[in-house]
């Protein structure tokens, strides 16, 4: 299943909110059930560690996972944390309270190697928000494969996190080998959130999204697509 949190703002210490209206299409592309909730809390407790805190945005995740566990046979939560201890600690704390296993398979991977590995394995990664020195409006809506060398350059100059783990950018995977459908951003607009002279914040607002069926994959289960991908990549 895909778990999604929805927020009306774009600034969150815990969640990616830009592009959240595309998550339903990710669930469709994967062929899995979508569970989502609205974020009503705020980052009340901003320490690196976390414990249950009233009105904190993490408690929305707790309530959502609590409902999912009650409705399904869910035993674990997989997150994409790579270098954010802040986020990883919060997922782990929520899982501990619910007796769920927290899985972070990408944790502390070399970001340069990891992004190249993702691209080599045919992940189509669209940059949908930028908030860093070296990035601007022109990079929004661009695919990561064409920006890899630029990312590496500003990493060497400014310590830029190549996978965006410092909030430098946010992204959306619009296609990968286990998707049964490609996600198509039909129309969108670029919006400036902050006119900072050094690190302007721009993001992409999706106005129209559709999916395109990939021949021969719709009939396969997610497990069959995973197995086929593993065999082809061996």
C-alpha atoms as a PDB file:
ATOM      1  CA  UNK A   1       0.000   0.000   0.000  1.00  0.00           C
ATOM      2  CA  UNK A   2       1.005   3.624  -0.492  1.00  0.00           C
ATOM      3  CA  UNK A   3       0.669   5.966   2.493  1.00  0.00           C
ATOM      4  CA  UNK A   4       0.170   9.658   1.689  1.00  0.00           C
ATOM      5  CA  UNK A   5      -0.235  12.771   3.818  1.00  0.00           C
ATOM      6  CA  UNK A   6      -2.013  15.819   2.427  1.00  0.00           C
ATOM      7  CA  UNK A   7      -1.321  19.414   3.473  1.00  0.00           C
ATOM      8  CA  UNK A   8      -2.457  22.802   2.221  1.00  0.00           C
ATOM      9  CA  UNK A   9       0.993  24.345   2.778  1.00  0.00           C
ATOM     10  CA  UNK A  10       4.328  23.505   1.142  1.00  0.00           C
ATOM     11  CA  UNK A  11       6.529  23.863   4.227  1.00  0.00           C
ATOM     12  CA  UNK A  12       6.788  20.797   6.453  1.00  0.00           C
ATOM     13  CA  UNK A  13       9.699  19.484   8.482  1.00  0.00           C
ATOM     14  CA  UNK A  14       8.461  15.919   8.039  1.00  0.00           C
ATOM     15  CA  UNK A  15       6.615  15.472   4.752  1.00  0.00           C
ATOM     16  CA  UNK A  16       6.940  16.324   1.086  1.00  0.00           C
ATOM     17  CA  UNK A  17       3.783  18.260   0.299  1.00  0.00           C
ATOM     18  CA  UNK A  18       4.543  19.564  -3.197  1.00  0.00           C
ATOM     19  CA  UNK A  19       3.102  17.174  -5.770  1.00  0.00           C
ATOM     20  CA  UNK A  20       0.960  15.315  -3.240  1.00  0.00           C
ATOM     21  CA  UNK A  21      -1.964  15.349  -5.666  1.00  0.00           C
ATOM     22  CA  UNK A  22       0.085  12.984  -7.853  1.00  0.00           C
ATOM     23  CA  UNK A  23       0.356  10.262  -5.202  1.00  0.00           C
ATOM     24  CA  UNK A  24      -2.953   8.699  -6.226  1.00  0.00           C
ATOM     25  CA  UNK A  25      -1.426   8.151  -9.664  1.00  0.00           C
ATOM     26  CA  UNK A  26       1.641   6.519  -8.114  1.00  0.00           C
ATOM     27  CA  UNK A  27      -0.711   4.078  -6.380  1.00  0.00           C
ATOM     28  CA  UNK A  28      -2.430   3.424  -9.716  1.00  0.00           C
ATOM     29  CA  UNK A  29       0.910   2.907 -11.453  1.00  0.00           C
ATOM     30  CA  UNK A  30       1.963   0.406  -8.800  1.00  0.00           C
ATOM     31  CA  UNK A  31      -1.450  -1.236  -8.597  1.00  0.00           C
ATOM     32  CA  UNK A  32      -1.711  -0.908  -4.820  1.00  0.00           C
ATOM     33  CA  UNK A  33      -4.202   0.554  -2.352  1.00  0.00           C
ATOM     34  CA  UNK A  34      -3.778   4.177  -1.280  1.00  0.00           C
ATOM     35  CA  UNK A  35      -4.254   5.346   2.297  1.00  0.00           C
ATOM     36  CA  UNK A  36      -4.113   9.087   2.946  1.00  0.00           C
ATOM     37  CA  UNK A  37      -4.944  11.685   5.548  1.00  0.00           C
ATOM     38  CA  UNK A  38      -4.868  15.437   5.969  1.00  0.00           C
ATOM     39  CA  UNK A  39      -2.048  16.939   8.021  1.00  0.00           C
ATOM     40  CA  UNK A  40      -3.572  19.037  10.784  1.00  0.00           C
ATOM     41  CA  UNK A  41      -0.533  19.298  13.051  1.00  0.00           C
ATOM     42  CA  UNK A  42       2.617  21.405  12.883  1.00  0.00           C
ATOM     43  CA  UNK A  43       6.291  20.720  13.698  1.00  0.00           C
ATOM     44  CA  UNK A  44       5.777  21.401  17.399  1.00  0.00           C
ATOM     45  CA  UNK A  45       8.731  19.323  18.608  1.00  0.00           C
ATOM     46  CA  UNK A  46      11.741  20.219  16.461  1.00  0.00           C
ATOM     47  CA  UNK A  47      14.435  18.371  18.405  1.00  0.00           C
ATOM     48  CA  UNK A  48      16.335  15.635  16.578  1.00  0.00           C
ATOM     49  CA  UNK A  49      14.732  13.019  18.821  1.00  0.00           C
ATOM     50  CA  UNK A  50      10.990  12.630  19.077  1.00  0.00           C
ATOM     51  CA  UNK A  51       8.326  11.475  21.502  1.00  0.00           C
ATOM     52  CA  UNK A  52       4.539  11.656  21.320  1.00  0.00           C
ATOM     53  CA  UNK A  53       3.657  15.366  21.209  1.00  0.00           C
ATOM     54  CA  UNK A  54       0.115  16.781  20.997  1.00  0.00           C
ATOM     55  CA  UNK A  55      -0.648  18.741  17.809  1.00  0.00           C
ATOM     56  CA  UNK A  56       2.633  17.723  16.162  1.00  0.00           C
ATOM     57  CA  UNK A  57       2.435  16.791  12.486  1.00  0.00           C
ATOM     58  CA  UNK A  58       4.009  13.407  13.282  1.00  0.00           C
ATOM     59  CA  UNK A  59       0.889  12.468  15.233  1.00  0.00           C
ATOM     60  CA  UNK A  60      -1.102  12.599  11.983  1.00  0.00           C
ATOM     61  CA  UNK A  61       1.152   9.853  10.639  1.00  0.00           C
ATOM     62  CA  UNK A  62       0.650   7.877  13.840  1.00  0.00           C
ATOM     63  CA  UNK A  63      -3.144   8.042  13.531  1.00  0.00           C
ATOM     64  CA  UNK A  64      -3.048   7.080   9.849  1.00  0.00           C
ATOM     65  CA  UNK A  65      -0.774   4.074  10.431  1.00  0.00           C
ATOM     66  CA  UNK A  66      -2.882   3.071  13.417  1.00  0.00           C
ATOM     67  CA  UNK A  67      -5.964   2.969  11.174  1.00  0.00           C
ATOM     68  CA  UNK A  68      -4.096   1.064   8.459  1.00  0.00           C
ATOM     69  CA  UNK A  69      -2.880  -1.545  10.938  1.00  0.00           C
ATOM     70  CA  UNK A  70      -6.451  -2.033  12.169  1.00  0.00           C
ATOM     71  CA  UNK A  71      -7.730  -2.530   8.610  1.00  0.00           C
ATOM     72  CA  UNK A  72      -4.935  -4.648   7.132  1.00  0.00           C
ATOM     73  CA  UNK A  73      -2.264  -7.215   7.967  1.00  0.00           C
ATOM     74  CA  UNK A  74       0.452  -4.542   7.774  1.00  0.00           C
ATOM     75  CA  UNK A  75       3.554  -5.364   9.835  1.00  0.00           C
ATOM     76  CA  UNK A  76       6.156  -2.901   8.512  1.00  0.00           C
ATOM     77  CA  UNK A  77       6.639   0.593   7.112  1.00  0.00           C
ATOM     78  CA  UNK A  78       9.196   1.314   4.390  1.00  0.00           C
ATOM     79  CA  UNK A  79      10.486   4.887   4.065  1.00  0.00           C
ATOM     80  CA  UNK A  80      12.886   6.491   1.619  1.00  0.00           C
ATOM     81  CA  UNK A  81      15.044   8.218   4.232  1.00  0.00           C
ATOM     82  CA  UNK A  82      18.645   8.521   3.077  1.00  0.00           C
ATOM     83  CA  UNK A  83      20.326  11.070   5.332  1.00  0.00           C
ATOM     84  CA  UNK A  84      17.618  12.787   7.398  1.00  0.00           C
ATOM     85  CA  UNK A  85      17.947  11.554  10.964  1.00  0.00           C
ATOM     86  CA  UNK A  86      15.115  13.921  11.898  1.00  0.00           C
ATOM     87  CA  UNK A  87      12.639  12.100   9.654  1.00  0.00           C
ATOM     88  CA  UNK A  88      13.986   8.593  10.244  1.00  0.00           C
ATOM     89  CA  UNK A  89      13.764   9.005  14.025  1.00  0.00           C
ATOM     90  CA  UNK A  90      10.127  10.044  13.756  1.00  0.00           C
ATOM     91  CA  UNK A  91       9.113   7.147  11.534  1.00  0.00           C
ATOM     92  CA  UNK A  92      10.886   4.735  13.880  1.00  0.00           C
ATOM     93  CA  UNK A  93       9.224   6.233  16.972  1.00  0.00           C
ATOM     94  CA  UNK A  94       5.757   5.961  15.417  1.00  0.00           C
ATOM     95  CA  UNK A  95       6.449   2.375  14.346  1.00  0.00           C
ATOM     96  CA  UNK A  96       7.669   1.485  17.822  1.00  0.00           C
ATOM     97  CA  UNK A  97       4.436   2.770  19.365  1.00  0.00           C
ATOM     98  CA  UNK A  98       2.412   0.675  16.917  1.00  0.00           C
ATOM     99  CA  UNK A  99       4.608  -2.439  17.070  1.00  0.00           C
ATOM    100  CA  UNK A 100       5.531  -2.090  13.412  1.00  0.00           C
ATOM    101  CA  UNK A 101       8.947  -2.621  11.811  1.00  0.00           C
ATOM    102  CA  UNK A 102      10.574   0.467  10.289  1.00  0.00           C
ATOM    103  CA  UNK A 103      12.532  -0.302   7.106  1.00  0.00           C
ATOM    104  CA  UNK A 104      14.859   2.303   5.545  1.00  0.00           C
ATOM    105  CA  UNK A 105      16.721   0.430   2.777  1.00  0.00           C
ATOM    106  CA  UNK A 106      18.425   3.551   1.408  1.00  0.00           C
ATOM    107  CA  UNK A 107      19.740   4.783   4.757  1.00  0.00           C
ATOM    108  CA  UNK A 108      23.222   6.352   4.570  1.00  0.00           C
ATOM    109  CA  UNK A 109      23.816   5.231   1.003  1.00  0.00           C
ATOM    110  CA  UNK A 110      26.319   7.363  -0.893  1.00  0.00           C
ATOM    111  CA  UNK A 111      23.975   9.885  -2.532  1.00  0.00           C
ATOM    112  CA  UNK A 112      26.024  10.327  -5.707  1.00  0.00           C
ATOM    113  CA  UNK A 113      26.166   6.561  -6.254  1.00  0.00           C
ATOM    114  CA  UNK A 114      22.511   6.108  -5.274  1.00  0.00           C
ATOM    115  CA  UNK A 115      21.128   8.683  -7.700  1.00  0.00           C
ATOM    116  CA  UNK A 116      23.233   7.245 -10.532  1.00  0.00           C
ATOM    117  CA  UNK A 117      21.967   3.779  -9.600  1.00  0.00           C
ATOM    118  CA  UNK A 118      18.353   4.994  -9.734  1.00  0.00           C
ATOM    119  CA  UNK A 119      18.907   6.502 -13.178  1.00  0.00           C
ATOM    120  CA  UNK A 120      20.731   3.400 -14.426  1.00  0.00           C
ATOM    121  CA  UNK A 121      17.687   1.361 -13.351  1.00  0.00           C
ATOM    122  CA  UNK A 122      15.374   3.518 -15.462  1.00  0.00           C
ATOM    123  CA  UNK A 123      13.692   5.645 -12.811  1.00  0.00           C
ATOM    124  CA  UNK A 124      12.295   8.791 -14.441  1.00  0.00           C
ATOM    125  CA  UNK A 125      12.691  11.442 -11.742  1.00  0.00           C
ATOM    126  CA  UNK A 126      11.069  14.847 -12.232  1.00  0.00           C
ATOM    127  CA  UNK A 127      12.299  17.794 -10.152  1.00  0.00           C
ATOM    128  CA  UNK A 128       9.201  19.547  -8.790  1.00  0.00           C
ATOM    129  CA  UNK A 129      10.627  21.917  -6.167  1.00  0.00           C
ATOM    130  CA  UNK A 130      13.970  23.682  -5.717  1.00  0.00           C
ATOM    131  CA  UNK A 131      15.275  25.512  -2.651  1.00  0.00           C
ATOM    132  CA  UNK A 132      19.047  25.720  -2.909  1.00  0.00           C
ATOM    133  CA  UNK A 133      21.945  27.790  -4.115  1.00  0.00           C
ATOM    134  CA  UNK A 134      22.665  26.737  -7.684  1.00  0.00           C
ATOM    135  CA  UNK A 135      19.041  25.896  -8.485  1.00  0.00           C
ATOM    136  CA  UNK A 136      16.297  28.136  -9.844  1.00  0.00           C
ATOM    137  CA  UNK A 137      13.030  28.210 -11.806  1.00  0.00           C
ATOM    138  CA  UNK A 138      14.654  26.721 -14.908  1.00  0.00           C
ATOM    139  CA  UNK A 139      15.355  23.450 -13.090  1.00  0.00           C
ATOM    140  CA  UNK A 140      11.717  22.850 -12.079  1.00  0.00           C
ATOM    141  CA  UNK A 141       9.970  20.292 -14.267  1.00  0.00           C
ATOM    142  CA  UNK A 142      13.310  18.942 -15.529  1.00  0.00           C
ATOM    143  CA  UNK A 143      14.331  15.294 -15.236  1.00  0.00           C
ATOM    144  CA  UNK A 144      17.174  14.414 -12.883  1.00  0.00           C
ATOM    145  CA  UNK A 145      19.168  12.556 -15.528  1.00  0.00           C
ATOM    146  CA  UNK A 146      19.846  15.832 -17.341  1.00  0.00           C
ATOM    147  CA  UNK A 147      20.826  17.559 -14.079  1.00  0.00           C
ATOM    148  CA  UNK A 148      23.161  14.948 -12.596  1.00  0.00           C
ATOM    149  CA  UNK A 149      26.376  16.669 -13.663  1.00  0.00           C
ATOM    150  CA  UNK A 150      25.032  20.014 -12.390  1.00  0.00           C
ATOM    151  CA  UNK A 151      24.126  18.424  -9.049  1.00  0.00           C
ATOM    152  CA  UNK A 152      27.639  17.001  -8.783  1.00  0.00           C
ATOM    153  CA  UNK A 153      29.149  20.398  -9.601  1.00  0.00           C
ATOM    154  CA  UNK A 154      27.247  22.291  -6.897  1.00  0.00           C
ATOM    155  CA  UNK A 155      27.934  19.438  -4.496  1.00  0.00           C
ATOM    156  CA  UNK A 156      31.662  20.086  -4.935  1.00  0.00           C
ATOM    157  CA  UNK A 157      31.225  23.854  -4.601  1.00  0.00           C
ATOM    158  CA  UNK A 158      28.654  24.119  -1.810  1.00  0.00           C
ATOM    159  CA  UNK A 159      28.167  20.669  -0.246  1.00  0.00           C
ATOM    160  CA  UNK A 160      24.863  20.188  -2.078  1.00  0.00           C
ATOM    161  CA  UNK A 161      23.097  16.900  -1.259  1.00  0.00           C
ATOM    162  CA  UNK A 162      22.862  15.137  -4.622  1.00  0.00           C
ATOM    163  CA  UNK A 163      19.658  13.314  -3.596  1.00  0.00           C
ATOM    164  CA  UNK A 164      18.134  16.471  -2.086  1.00  0.00           C
ATOM    165  CA  UNK A 165      18.315  15.169   1.488  1.00  0.00           C
ATOM    166  CA  UNK A 166      18.960  18.665   2.807  1.00  0.00           C
ATOM    167  CA  UNK A 167      15.751  19.970   1.239  1.00  0.00           C
ATOM    168  CA  UNK A 168      17.616  21.260  -1.809  1.00  0.00           C
ATOM    169  CA  UNK A 169      14.973  19.829  -4.118  1.00  0.00           C
ATOM    170  CA  UNK A 170      11.929  17.578  -4.148  1.00  0.00           C
ATOM    171  CA  UNK A 171      10.959  15.151  -6.866  1.00  0.00           C
ATOM    172  CA  UNK A 172       8.368  12.789  -8.305  1.00  0.00           C
ATOM    173  CA  UNK A 173       9.051   9.446  -9.983  1.00  0.00           C
ATOM    174  CA  UNK A 174       6.849   9.392 -13.075  1.00  0.00           C
ATOM    175  CA  UNK A 175       7.992   6.009 -14.366  1.00  0.00           C
ATOM    176  CA  UNK A 176      10.081   3.014 -13.323  1.00  0.00           C
ATOM    177  CA  UNK A 177      10.261  -0.667 -14.302  1.00  0.00           C
ATOM    178  CA  UNK A 178       7.645  -1.820 -11.750  1.00  0.00           C
ATOM    179  CA  UNK A 179       5.034   0.768 -12.796  1.00  0.00           C
ATOM    180  CA  UNK A 180       2.213  -0.656 -14.909  1.00  0.00           C
ATOM    181  CA  UNK A 181       1.447   2.897 -16.073  1.00  0.00           C
ATOM    182  CA  UNK A 182       3.525   5.959 -16.843  1.00  0.00           C
ATOM    183  CA  UNK A 183       2.472   9.104 -15.004  1.00  0.00           C
ATOM    184  CA  UNK A 184       2.029  12.053 -17.354  1.00  0.00           C
ATOM    185  CA  UNK A 185       2.038  15.661 -16.148  1.00  0.00           C
ATOM    186  CA  UNK A 186      -0.252  17.141 -18.777  1.00  0.00           C
ATOM    187  CA  UNK A 187      -0.347  20.737 -17.525  1.00  0.00           C
ATOM    188  CA  UNK A 188       1.380  22.506 -14.674  1.00  0.00           C
ATOM    189  CA  UNK A 189       2.540  25.932 -13.560  1.00  0.00           C
ATOM    190  CA  UNK A 190       5.718  27.064 -11.840  1.00  0.00           C
ATOM    191  CA  UNK A 191       5.166  29.118  -8.692  1.00  0.00           C
ATOM    192  CA  UNK A 192       7.688  31.188  -6.753  1.00  0.00           C
ATOM    193  CA  UNK A 193       7.372  30.633  -3.008  1.00  0.00           C
ATOM    194  CA  UNK A 194      10.366  32.786  -2.035  1.00  0.00           C
ATOM    195  CA  UNK A 195      12.297  35.351  -4.091  1.00  0.00           C
ATOM    196  CA  UNK A 196      15.541  34.742  -2.226  1.00  0.00           C
ATOM    197  CA  UNK A 197      18.517  36.147  -4.147  1.00  0.00           C
ATOM    198  CA  UNK A 198      20.761  33.196  -3.255  1.00  0.00           C
ATOM    199  CA  UNK A 199      18.372  30.256  -3.024  1.00  0.00           C
ATOM    200  CA  UNK A 200      14.963  31.081  -4.524  1.00  0.00           C
ATOM    201  CA  UNK A 201      12.195  28.584  -3.805  1.00  0.00           C
ATOM    202  CA  UNK A 202      10.198  27.489  -6.849  1.00  0.00           C
ATOM    203  CA  UNK A 203       7.766  24.625  -7.141  1.00  0.00           C
ATOM    204  CA  UNK A 204       5.550  22.989  -9.730  1.00  0.00           C
ATOM    205  CA  UNK A 205       1.800  22.886  -9.234  1.00  0.00           C
ATOM    206  CA  UNK A 206       0.155  20.088 -11.206  1.00  0.00           C
ATOM    207  CA  UNK A 207      -3.072  21.146 -12.894  1.00  0.00           C
ATOM    208  CA  UNK A 208      -3.734  18.021 -14.948  1.00  0.00           C
ATOM    209  CA  UNK A 209      -2.309  14.507 -14.560  1.00  0.00           C
ATOM    210  CA  UNK A 210      -3.016  11.308 -16.459  1.00  0.00           C
ATOM    211  CA  UNK A 211      -1.585   7.813 -16.817  1.00  0.00           C
ATOM    212  CA  UNK A 212      -0.479   5.895 -19.887  1.00  0.00           C
ATOM    213  CA  UNK A 213      -0.677   2.105 -19.886  1.00  0.00           C
ATOM    214  CA  UNK A 214       2.609   0.263 -20.457  1.00  0.00           C
ATOM    215  CA  UNK A 215       2.096  -2.719 -22.804  1.00  0.00           C
ATOM    216  CA  UNK A 216       2.233  -6.118 -21.147  1.00  0.00           C
ATOM    217  CA  UNK A 217       2.494  -4.841 -17.575  1.00  0.00           C
ATOM    218  CA  UNK A 218      -1.093  -4.105 -16.586  1.00  0.00           C
ATOM    219  CA  UNK A 219      -1.903  -7.814 -16.447  1.00  0.00           C
ATOM    220  CA  UNK A 220       1.015  -8.587 -14.128  1.00  0.00           C
ATOM    221  CA  UNK A 221       0.806  -8.322 -10.345  1.00  0.00           C
ATOM    222  CA  UNK A 222       3.225  -6.053  -8.512  1.00  0.00           C
ATOM    223  CA  UNK A 223       5.153  -9.116  -7.324  1.00  0.00           C
ATOM    224  CA  UNK A 224       5.423 -10.397 -10.901  1.00  0.00           C
ATOM    225  CA  UNK A 225       6.706  -7.005 -12.044  1.00  0.00           C
ATOM    226  CA  UNK A 226       9.220  -6.953  -9.191  1.00  0.00           C
ATOM    227  CA  UNK A 227      10.395 -10.471  -9.980  1.00  0.00           C
ATOM    228  CA  UNK A 228      10.781  -9.637 -13.670  1.00  0.00           C
ATOM    229  CA  UNK A 229      12.742  -6.493 -12.863  1.00  0.00           C
ATOM    230  CA  UNK A 230      15.081  -8.402 -10.545  1.00  0.00           C
ATOM    231  CA  UNK A 231      15.695 -11.074 -13.197  1.00  0.00           C
ATOM    232  CA  UNK A 232      16.347  -8.508 -15.936  1.00  0.00           C
ATOM    233  CA  UNK A 233      18.691  -6.561 -13.660  1.00  0.00           C
ATOM    234  CA  UNK A 234      20.667  -9.610 -12.565  1.00  0.00           C
END
